Amino acid sequence: VSELAGVGPLQGDVAFFKSEAESQIALPFGNTG
């Protein structure tokens, strides 16, 4: 997810680039639950 504020025509009173990245994995052990 990325956010861009205050650059060019965006105007405002703050300017920044904000970005987040997330990775998840789920590993089941057979049919044991």
PDB file of all heavy atoms in Angstrom:
ATOM      1  N   VAL A   1       0.863  -1.181   0.000  1.00  0.00           N
ATOM      2  CA  VAL A   1       0.000   0.000   0.000  1.00  0.00           C
ATOM      3  C   VAL A   1       0.898   1.229   0.000  1.00  0.00           C
ATOM      4  O   VAL A   1       1.816   1.323   0.821  1.00  0.00           O
ATOM      5  CB  VAL A   1      -0.927   0.032   1.236  1.00  0.00           C
ATOM      6  CG1 VAL A   1      -1.772   1.301   1.225  1.00  0.00           C
ATOM      7  CG2 VAL A   1      -1.808  -1.194   1.274  1.00  0.00           C
ATOM      8  N   SER A   2       0.655   2.159  -0.915  1.00  0.00           N
ATOM      9  CA  SER A   2       1.470   3.370  -0.997  1.00  0.00           C
ATOM     10  C   SER A   2       0.585   4.604  -1.018  1.00  0.00           C
ATOM     11  O   SER A   2      -0.548   4.563  -1.509  1.00  0.00           O
ATOM     12  CB  SER A   2       2.356   3.349  -2.248  1.00  0.00           C
ATOM     13  OG  SER A   2       3.281   2.275  -2.195  1.00  0.00           O
ATOM     14  N   GLU A   3       1.124   5.688  -0.493  1.00  0.00           N
ATOM     15  CA  GLU A   3       0.388   6.952  -0.406  1.00  0.00           C
ATOM     16  C   GLU A   3       1.317   8.092  -0.805  1.00  0.00           C
ATOM     17  O   GLU A   3       2.474   8.156  -0.369  1.00  0.00           O
ATOM     18  CB  GLU A   3      -0.108   7.155   1.023  1.00  0.00           C
ATOM     19  CG  GLU A   3      -0.883   8.441   1.246  1.00  0.00           C
ATOM     20  CD  GLU A   3      -1.327   8.605   2.693  1.00  0.00           C
ATOM     21  OE1 GLU A   3      -1.125   7.656   3.485  1.00  0.00           O
ATOM     22  OE2 GLU A   3      -1.860   9.683   3.018  1.00  0.00           O
ATOM     23  N   LEU A   4       0.818   8.998  -1.628  1.00  0.00           N
ATOM     24  CA  LEU A   4       1.580  10.161  -2.066  1.00  0.00           C
ATOM     25  C   LEU A   4       0.797  11.409  -1.706  1.00  0.00           C
ATOM     26  O   LEU A   4      -0.381  11.524  -2.056  1.00  0.00           O
ATOM     27  CB  LEU A   4       1.831  10.097  -3.571  1.00  0.00           C
ATOM     28  CG  LEU A   4       2.727  11.178  -4.168  1.00  0.00           C
ATOM     29  CD1 LEU A   4       4.147  11.064  -3.616  1.00  0.00           C
ATOM     30  CD2 LEU A   4       2.745  11.062  -5.694  1.00  0.00           C
ATOM     31  N   ALA A   5       1.435  12.334  -1.002  1.00  0.00           N
ATOM     32  CA  ALA A   5       0.734  13.539  -0.545  1.00  0.00           C
ATOM     33  C   ALA A   5       1.524  14.787  -0.909  1.00  0.00           C
ATOM     34  O   ALA A   5       2.763  14.797  -0.843  1.00  0.00           O
ATOM     35  CB  ALA A   5       0.533  13.487   0.970  1.00  0.00           C
ATOM     36  N   GLY A   6       0.798  15.846  -1.301  1.00  0.00           N
ATOM     37  CA  GLY A   6       1.378  17.174  -1.452  1.00  0.00           C
ATOM     38  C   GLY A   6       2.254  17.399  -2.650  1.00  0.00           C
ATOM     39  O   GLY A   6       2.957  18.413  -2.716  1.00  0.00           O
ATOM     40  N   VAL A   7       2.265  16.495  -3.623  1.00  0.00           N
ATOM     41  CA  VAL A   7       3.131  16.635  -4.785  1.00  0.00           C
ATOM     42  C   VAL A   7       2.329  17.130  -5.982  1.00  0.00           C
ATOM     43  O   VAL A   7       1.243  16.621  -6.257  1.00  0.00           O
ATOM     44  CB  VAL A   7       3.818  15.294  -5.118  1.00  0.00           C
ATOM     45  CG1 VAL A   7       4.658  15.416  -6.374  1.00  0.00           C
ATOM     46  CG2 VAL A   7       4.685  14.854  -3.950  1.00  0.00           C
ATOM     47  N   GLY A   8       2.866  18.110  -6.703  1.00  0.00           N
ATOM     48  CA  GLY A   8       2.209  18.636  -7.899  1.00  0.00           C
ATOM     49  C   GLY A   8       0.835  19.201  -7.597  1.00  0.00           C
ATOM     50  O   GLY A   8       0.674  20.018  -6.684  1.00  0.00           O
ATOM     51  N   PRO A   9      -0.195  18.741  -8.317  1.00  0.00           N
ATOM     52  CA  PRO A   9      -1.544  19.295  -8.123  1.00  0.00           C
ATOM     53  C   PRO A   9      -2.234  18.816  -6.846  1.00  0.00           C
ATOM     54  O   PRO A   9      -3.334  19.266  -6.545  1.00  0.00           O
ATOM     55  CB  PRO A   9      -2.298  18.797  -9.353  1.00  0.00           C
ATOM     56  CG  PRO A   9      -1.615  17.509  -9.723  1.00  0.00           C
ATOM     57  CD  PRO A   9      -0.167  17.741  -9.399  1.00  0.00           C
ATOM     58  N   LEU A  10      -1.609  17.930  -6.063  1.00  0.00           N
ATOM     59  CA  LEU A  10      -2.253  17.417  -4.848  1.00  0.00           C
ATOM     60  C   LEU A  10      -2.387  18.486  -3.771  1.00  0.00           C
ATOM     61  O   LEU A  10      -3.258  18.426  -2.920  1.00  0.00           O
ATOM     62  CB  LEU A  10      -1.465  16.221  -4.295  1.00  0.00           C
ATOM     63  CG  LEU A  10      -1.418  14.984  -5.191  1.00  0.00           C
ATOM     64  CD1 LEU A  10      -0.538  13.913  -4.569  1.00  0.00           C
ATOM     65  CD2 LEU A  10      -2.819  14.430  -5.425  1.00  0.00           C
ATOM     66  N   GLN A  11      -1.480  19.494  -3.799  1.00  0.00           N
ATOM     67  CA  GLN A  11      -1.546  20.614  -2.844  1.00  0.00           C
ATOM     68  C   GLN A  11      -1.493  20.124  -1.401  1.00  0.00           C
ATOM     69  O   GLN A  11      -0.922  19.103  -1.108  1.00  0.00           O
ATOM     70  CB  GLN A  11      -2.808  21.441  -3.104  1.00  0.00           C
ATOM     71  CG  GLN A  11      -2.913  22.010  -4.524  1.00  0.00           C
ATOM     72  CD  GLN A  11      -1.777  22.953  -4.864  1.00  0.00           C
ATOM     73  OE1 GLN A  11      -1.351  23.766  -4.030  1.00  0.00           O
ATOM     74  NE2 GLN A  11      -1.258  22.839  -6.075  1.00  0.00           N
ATOM     75  N   GLY A  12      -2.106  20.868  -0.487  1.00  0.00           N
ATOM     76  CA  GLY A  12      -2.097  20.495   0.922  1.00  0.00           C
ATOM     77  C   GLY A  12      -0.982  21.191   1.686  1.00  0.00           C
ATOM     78  O   GLY A  12      -0.270  22.052   1.157  1.00  0.00           O
ATOM     79  N   ASP A  13      -0.815  20.810   2.948  1.00  0.00           N
ATOM     80  CA  ASP A  13       0.216  21.417   3.788  1.00  0.00           C
ATOM     81  C   ASP A  13       1.264  20.410   4.238  1.00  0.00           C
ATOM     82  O   ASP A  13       2.108  20.710   5.083  1.00  0.00           O
ATOM     83  CB  ASP A  13      -0.408  22.104   5.011  1.00  0.00           C
ATOM     84  CG  ASP A  13      -1.246  21.146   5.850  1.00  0.00           C
ATOM     85  OD1 ASP A  13      -1.393  19.976   5.450  1.00  0.00           O
ATOM     86  OD2 ASP A  13      -1.750  21.571   6.899  1.00  0.00           O
ATOM     87  N   VAL A  14       1.228  19.188   3.709  1.00  0.00           N
ATOM     88  CA  VAL A  14       2.257  18.186   3.952  1.00  0.00           C
ATOM     89  C   VAL A  14       2.614  17.543   2.622  1.00  0.00           C
ATOM     90  O   VAL A  14       1.818  17.554   1.676  1.00  0.00           O
ATOM     91  CB  VAL A  14       1.795  17.095   4.945  1.00  0.00           C
ATOM     92  CG1 VAL A  14       1.572  17.681   6.323  1.00  0.00           C
ATOM     93  CG2 VAL A  14       0.555  16.388   4.441  1.00  0.00           C
ATOM     94  N   ALA A  15       3.821  16.998   2.551  1.00  0.00           N
ATOM     95  CA  ALA A  15       4.252  16.304   1.343  1.00  0.00           C
ATOM     96  C   ALA A  15       5.127  15.125   1.742  1.00  0.00           C
ATOM     97  O   ALA A  15       6.119  15.299   2.462  1.00  0.00           O
ATOM     98  CB  ALA A  15       5.020  17.245   0.419  1.00  0.00           C
ATOM     99  N   PHE A  16       4.743  13.932   1.294  1.00  0.00           N
ATOM    100  CA  PHE A  16       5.519  12.744   1.640  1.00  0.00           C
ATOM    101  C   PHE A  16       5.127  11.593   0.731  1.00  0.00           C
ATOM    102  O   PHE A  16       4.072  11.596   0.078  1.00  0.00           O
ATOM    103  CB  PHE A  16       5.310  12.344   3.105  1.00  0.00           C
ATOM    104  CG  PHE A  16       3.878  12.040   3.474  1.00  0.00           C
ATOM    105  CD1 PHE A  16       3.291  10.815   3.182  1.00  0.00           C
ATOM    106  CD2 PHE A  16       3.099  12.999   4.112  1.00  0.00           C
ATOM    107  CE1 PHE A  16       1.981  10.535   3.518  1.00  0.00           C
ATOM    108  CE2 PHE A  16       1.784  12.733   4.462  1.00  0.00           C
ATOM    109  CZ  PHE A  16       1.220  11.501   4.163  1.00  0.00           C
ATOM    110  N   PHE A  17       6.018  10.590   0.712  1.00  0.00           N
ATOM    111  CA  PHE A  17       5.708   9.301   0.103  1.00  0.00           C
ATOM    112  C   PHE A  17       5.720   8.265   1.221  1.00  0.00           C
ATOM    113  O   PHE A  17       6.692   8.155   1.969  1.00  0.00           O
ATOM    114  CB  PHE A  17       6.739   8.931  -0.962  1.00  0.00           C
ATOM    115  CG  PHE A  17       6.582   7.529  -1.489  1.00  0.00           C
ATOM    116  CD1 PHE A  17       5.533   7.208  -2.335  1.00  0.00           C
ATOM    117  CD2 PHE A  17       7.484   6.527  -1.129  1.00  0.00           C
ATOM    118  CE1 PHE A  17       5.381   5.902  -2.809  1.00  0.00           C
ATOM    119  CE2 PHE A  17       7.341   5.234  -1.600  1.00  0.00           C
ATOM    120  CZ  PHE A  17       6.288   4.927  -2.445  1.00  0.00           C
ATOM    121  N   LYS A  18       4.648   7.523   1.350  1.00  0.00           N
ATOM    122  CA  LYS A  18       4.489   6.558   2.430  1.00  0.00           C
ATOM    123  C   LYS A  18       4.141   5.210   1.818  1.00  0.00           C
ATOM    124  O   LYS A  18       3.211   5.109   1.010  1.00  0.00           O
ATOM    125  CB  LYS A  18       3.379   7.015   3.379  1.00  0.00           C
ATOM    126  CG  LYS A  18       3.168   6.139   4.596  1.00  0.00           C
ATOM    127  CD  LYS A  18       2.087   6.754   5.502  1.00  0.00           C
ATOM    128  CE  LYS A  18       1.853   5.936   6.743  1.00  0.00           C
ATOM    129  NZ  LYS A  18       0.787   6.544   7.609  1.00  0.00           N
ATOM    130  N   SER A  19       4.871   4.190   2.220  1.00  0.00           N
ATOM    131  CA  SER A  19       4.649   2.874   1.622  1.00  0.00           C
ATOM    132  C   SER A  19       4.799   1.781   2.672  1.00  0.00           C
ATOM    133  O   SER A  19       5.658   1.861   3.560  1.00  0.00           O
ATOM    134  CB  SER A  19       5.642   2.634   0.487  1.00  0.00           C
ATOM    135  OG  SER A  19       5.396   1.398  -0.154  1.00  0.00           O
ATOM    136  N   GLU A  20       3.941   0.756   2.570  1.00  0.00           N
ATOM    137  CA  GLU A  20       4.007  -0.412   3.435  1.00  0.00           C
ATOM    138  C   GLU A  20       3.959  -1.669   2.577  1.00  0.00           C
ATOM    139  O   GLU A  20       3.295  -1.709   1.543  1.00  0.00           O
ATOM    140  CB  GLU A  20       2.836  -0.444   4.413  1.00  0.00           C
ATOM    141  CG  GLU A  20       2.897   0.559   5.531  1.00  0.00           C
ATOM    142  CD  GLU A  20       1.758   0.388   6.521  1.00  0.00           C
ATOM    143  OE1 GLU A  20       1.910  -0.379   7.488  1.00  0.00           O
ATOM    144  OE2 GLU A  20       0.714   1.015   6.303  1.00  0.00           O
ATOM    145  N   ALA A  21       4.659  -2.691   3.018  1.00  0.00           N
ATOM    146  CA  ALA A  21       4.642  -3.988   2.343  1.00  0.00           C
ATOM    147  C   ALA A  21       4.452  -5.078   3.384  1.00  0.00           C
ATOM    148  O   ALA A  21       4.976  -4.990   4.503  1.00  0.00           O
ATOM    149  CB  ALA A  21       5.934  -4.217   1.572  1.00  0.00           C
ATOM    150  N   GLU A  22       3.691  -6.099   3.015  1.00  0.00           N
ATOM    151  CA  GLU A  22       3.395  -7.192   3.940  1.00  0.00           C
ATOM    152  C   GLU A  22       3.424  -8.522   3.198  1.00  0.00           C
ATOM    153  O   GLU A  22       2.973  -8.619   2.051  1.00  0.00           O
ATOM    154  CB  GLU A  22       2.022  -6.988   4.576  1.00  0.00           C
ATOM    155  CG  GLU A  22       1.604  -8.076   5.544  1.00  0.00           C
ATOM    156  CD  GLU A  22       0.229  -7.833   6.144  1.00  0.00           C
ATOM    157  OE1 GLU A  22      -0.385  -6.809   5.798  1.00  0.00           O
ATOM    158  OE2 GLU A  22      -0.225  -8.677   6.945  1.00  0.00           O
ATOM    159  N   SER A  23       3.962  -9.533   3.848  1.00  0.00           N
ATOM    160  CA  SER A  23       3.988 -10.876   3.283  1.00  0.00           C
ATOM    161  C   SER A  23       3.597 -11.872   4.365  1.00  0.00           C
ATOM    162  O   SER A  23       4.094 -11.790   5.495  1.00  0.00           O
ATOM    163  CB  SER A  23       5.385 -11.201   2.748  1.00  0.00           C
ATOM    164  OG  SER A  23       5.448 -12.535   2.277  1.00  0.00           O
ATOM    165  N   GLN A  24       2.711 -12.800   4.046  1.00  0.00           N
ATOM    166  CA  GLN A  24       2.276 -13.813   5.000  1.00  0.00           C
ATOM    167  C   GLN A  24       2.222 -15.177   4.322  1.00  0.00           C
ATOM    168  O   GLN A  24       1.981 -15.268   3.111  1.00  0.00           O
ATOM    169  CB  GLN A  24       0.908 -13.471   5.586  1.00  0.00           C
ATOM    170  CG  GLN A  24       0.906 -12.273   6.506  1.00  0.00           C
ATOM    171  CD  GLN A  24      -0.382 -12.144   7.293  1.00  0.00           C
ATOM    172  OE1 GLN A  24      -1.403 -12.704   6.913  1.00  0.00           O
ATOM    173  NE2 GLN A  24      -0.331 -11.414   8.391  1.00  0.00           N
ATOM    174  N   ILE A  25       2.432 -16.205   5.118  1.00  0.00           N
ATOM    175  CA  ILE A  25       2.379 -17.567   4.609  1.00  0.00           C
ATOM    176  C   ILE A  25       1.743 -18.459   5.666  1.00  0.00           C
ATOM    177  O   ILE A  25       1.907 -18.227   6.868  1.00  0.00           O
ATOM    178  CB  ILE A  25       3.799 -18.076   4.246  1.00  0.00           C
ATOM    179  CG1 ILE A  25       3.706 -19.423   3.527  1.00  0.00           C
ATOM    180  CG2 ILE A  25       4.689 -18.149   5.469  1.00  0.00           C
ATOM    181  CD1 ILE A  25       5.034 -19.871   2.940  1.00  0.00           C
ATOM    182  N   ALA A  26       0.979 -19.449   5.213  1.00  0.00           N
ATOM    183  CA  ALA A  26       0.359 -20.435   6.103  1.00  0.00           C
ATOM    184  C   ALA A  26       0.710 -21.830   5.595  1.00  0.00           C
ATOM    185  O   ALA A  26       0.473 -22.147   4.422  1.00  0.00           O
ATOM    186  CB  ALA A  26      -1.152 -20.248   6.148  1.00  0.00           C
ATOM    187  N   LEU A  27       1.292 -22.638   6.478  1.00  0.00           N
ATOM    188  CA  LEU A  27       1.721 -23.988   6.100  1.00  0.00           C
ATOM    189  C   LEU A  27       0.960 -25.021   6.922  1.00  0.00           C
ATOM    190  O   LEU A  27       1.227 -25.199   8.117  1.00  0.00           O
ATOM    191  CB  LEU A  27       3.229 -24.146   6.339  1.00  0.00           C
ATOM    192  CG  LEU A  27       4.146 -23.187   5.574  1.00  0.00           C
ATOM    193  CD1 LEU A  27       5.589 -23.354   6.039  1.00  0.00           C
ATOM    194  CD2 LEU A  27       4.033 -23.419   4.078  1.00  0.00           C
ATOM    195  N   PRO A  28      -0.009 -25.722   6.320  1.00  0.00           N
ATOM    196  CA  PRO A  28      -0.738 -26.772   7.052  1.00  0.00           C
ATOM    197  C   PRO A  28       0.085 -28.044   7.157  1.00  0.00           C
ATOM    198  O   PRO A  28       0.854 -28.383   6.256  1.00  0.00           O
ATOM    199  CB  PRO A  28      -1.987 -26.980   6.193  1.00  0.00           C
ATOM    200  CG  PRO A  28      -1.551 -26.612   4.813  1.00  0.00           C
ATOM    201  CD  PRO A  28      -0.525 -25.527   4.957  1.00  0.00           C
ATOM    202  N   PHE A  29      -0.073 -28.755   8.272  1.00  0.00           N
ATOM    203  CA  PHE A  29       0.598 -30.033   8.462  1.00  0.00           C
ATOM    204  C   PHE A  29      -0.385 -31.147   8.122  1.00  0.00           C
ATOM    205  O   PHE A  29      -1.089 -31.677   8.995  1.00  0.00           O
ATOM    206  CB  PHE A  29       1.099 -30.163   9.904  1.00  0.00           C
ATOM    207  CG  PHE A  29       2.260 -29.266  10.217  1.00  0.00           C
ATOM    208  CD1 PHE A  29       2.053 -27.953  10.589  1.00  0.00           C
ATOM    209  CD2 PHE A  29       3.560 -29.732  10.122  1.00  0.00           C
ATOM    210  CE1 PHE A  29       3.117 -27.117  10.882  1.00  0.00           C
ATOM    211  CE2 PHE A  29       4.635 -28.904  10.407  1.00  0.00           C
ATOM    212  CZ  PHE A  29       4.411 -27.592  10.785  1.00  0.00           C
ATOM    213  N   GLY A  30      -0.458 -31.466   6.850  1.00  0.00           N
ATOM    214  CA  GLY A  30      -1.352 -32.520   6.389  1.00  0.00           C
ATOM    215  C   GLY A  30      -2.802 -32.199   6.706  1.00  0.00           C
ATOM    216  O   GLY A  30      -3.266 -31.069   6.566  1.00  0.00           O
ATOM    217  N   ASN A  31      -3.526 -33.206   7.173  1.00  0.00           N
ATOM    218  CA  ASN A  31      -4.939 -33.043   7.500  1.00  0.00           C
ATOM    219  C   ASN A  31      -5.156 -33.070   9.021  1.00  0.00           C
ATOM    220  O   ASN A  31      -6.200 -33.492   9.512  1.00  0.00           O
ATOM    221  CB  ASN A  31      -5.750 -34.172   6.838  1.00  0.00           C
ATOM    222  CG  ASN A  31      -7.228 -33.864   6.809  1.00  0.00           C
ATOM    223  OD1 ASN A  31      -7.629 -32.706   6.728  1.00  0.00           O
ATOM    224  ND2 ASN A  31      -8.050 -34.905   6.888  1.00  0.00           N
ATOM    225  N   THR A  32      -4.151 -32.605   9.746  1.00  0.00           N
ATOM    226  CA  THR A  32      -4.204 -32.651  11.207  1.00  0.00           C
ATOM    227  C   THR A  32      -4.911 -31.463  11.832  1.00  0.00           C
ATOM    228  O   THR A  32      -5.246 -31.491  13.015  1.00  0.00           O
ATOM    229  CB  THR A  32      -2.781 -32.725  11.779  1.00  0.00           C
ATOM    230  OG1 THR A  32      -2.074 -31.518  11.416  1.00  0.00           O
ATOM    231  CG2 THR A  32      -2.035 -33.941  11.227  1.00  0.00           C
ATOM    232  N   GLY A  33      -5.110 -30.402  11.053  1.00  0.00           N
ATOM    233  CA  GLY A  33      -5.665 -29.176  11.611  1.00  0.00           C
ATOM    234  C   GLY A  33      -4.625 -28.270  12.233  1.00  0.00           C
ATOM    235  O   GLY A  33      -4.955 -27.208  12.769  1.00  0.00           O
TER     236      GLY A  33
END
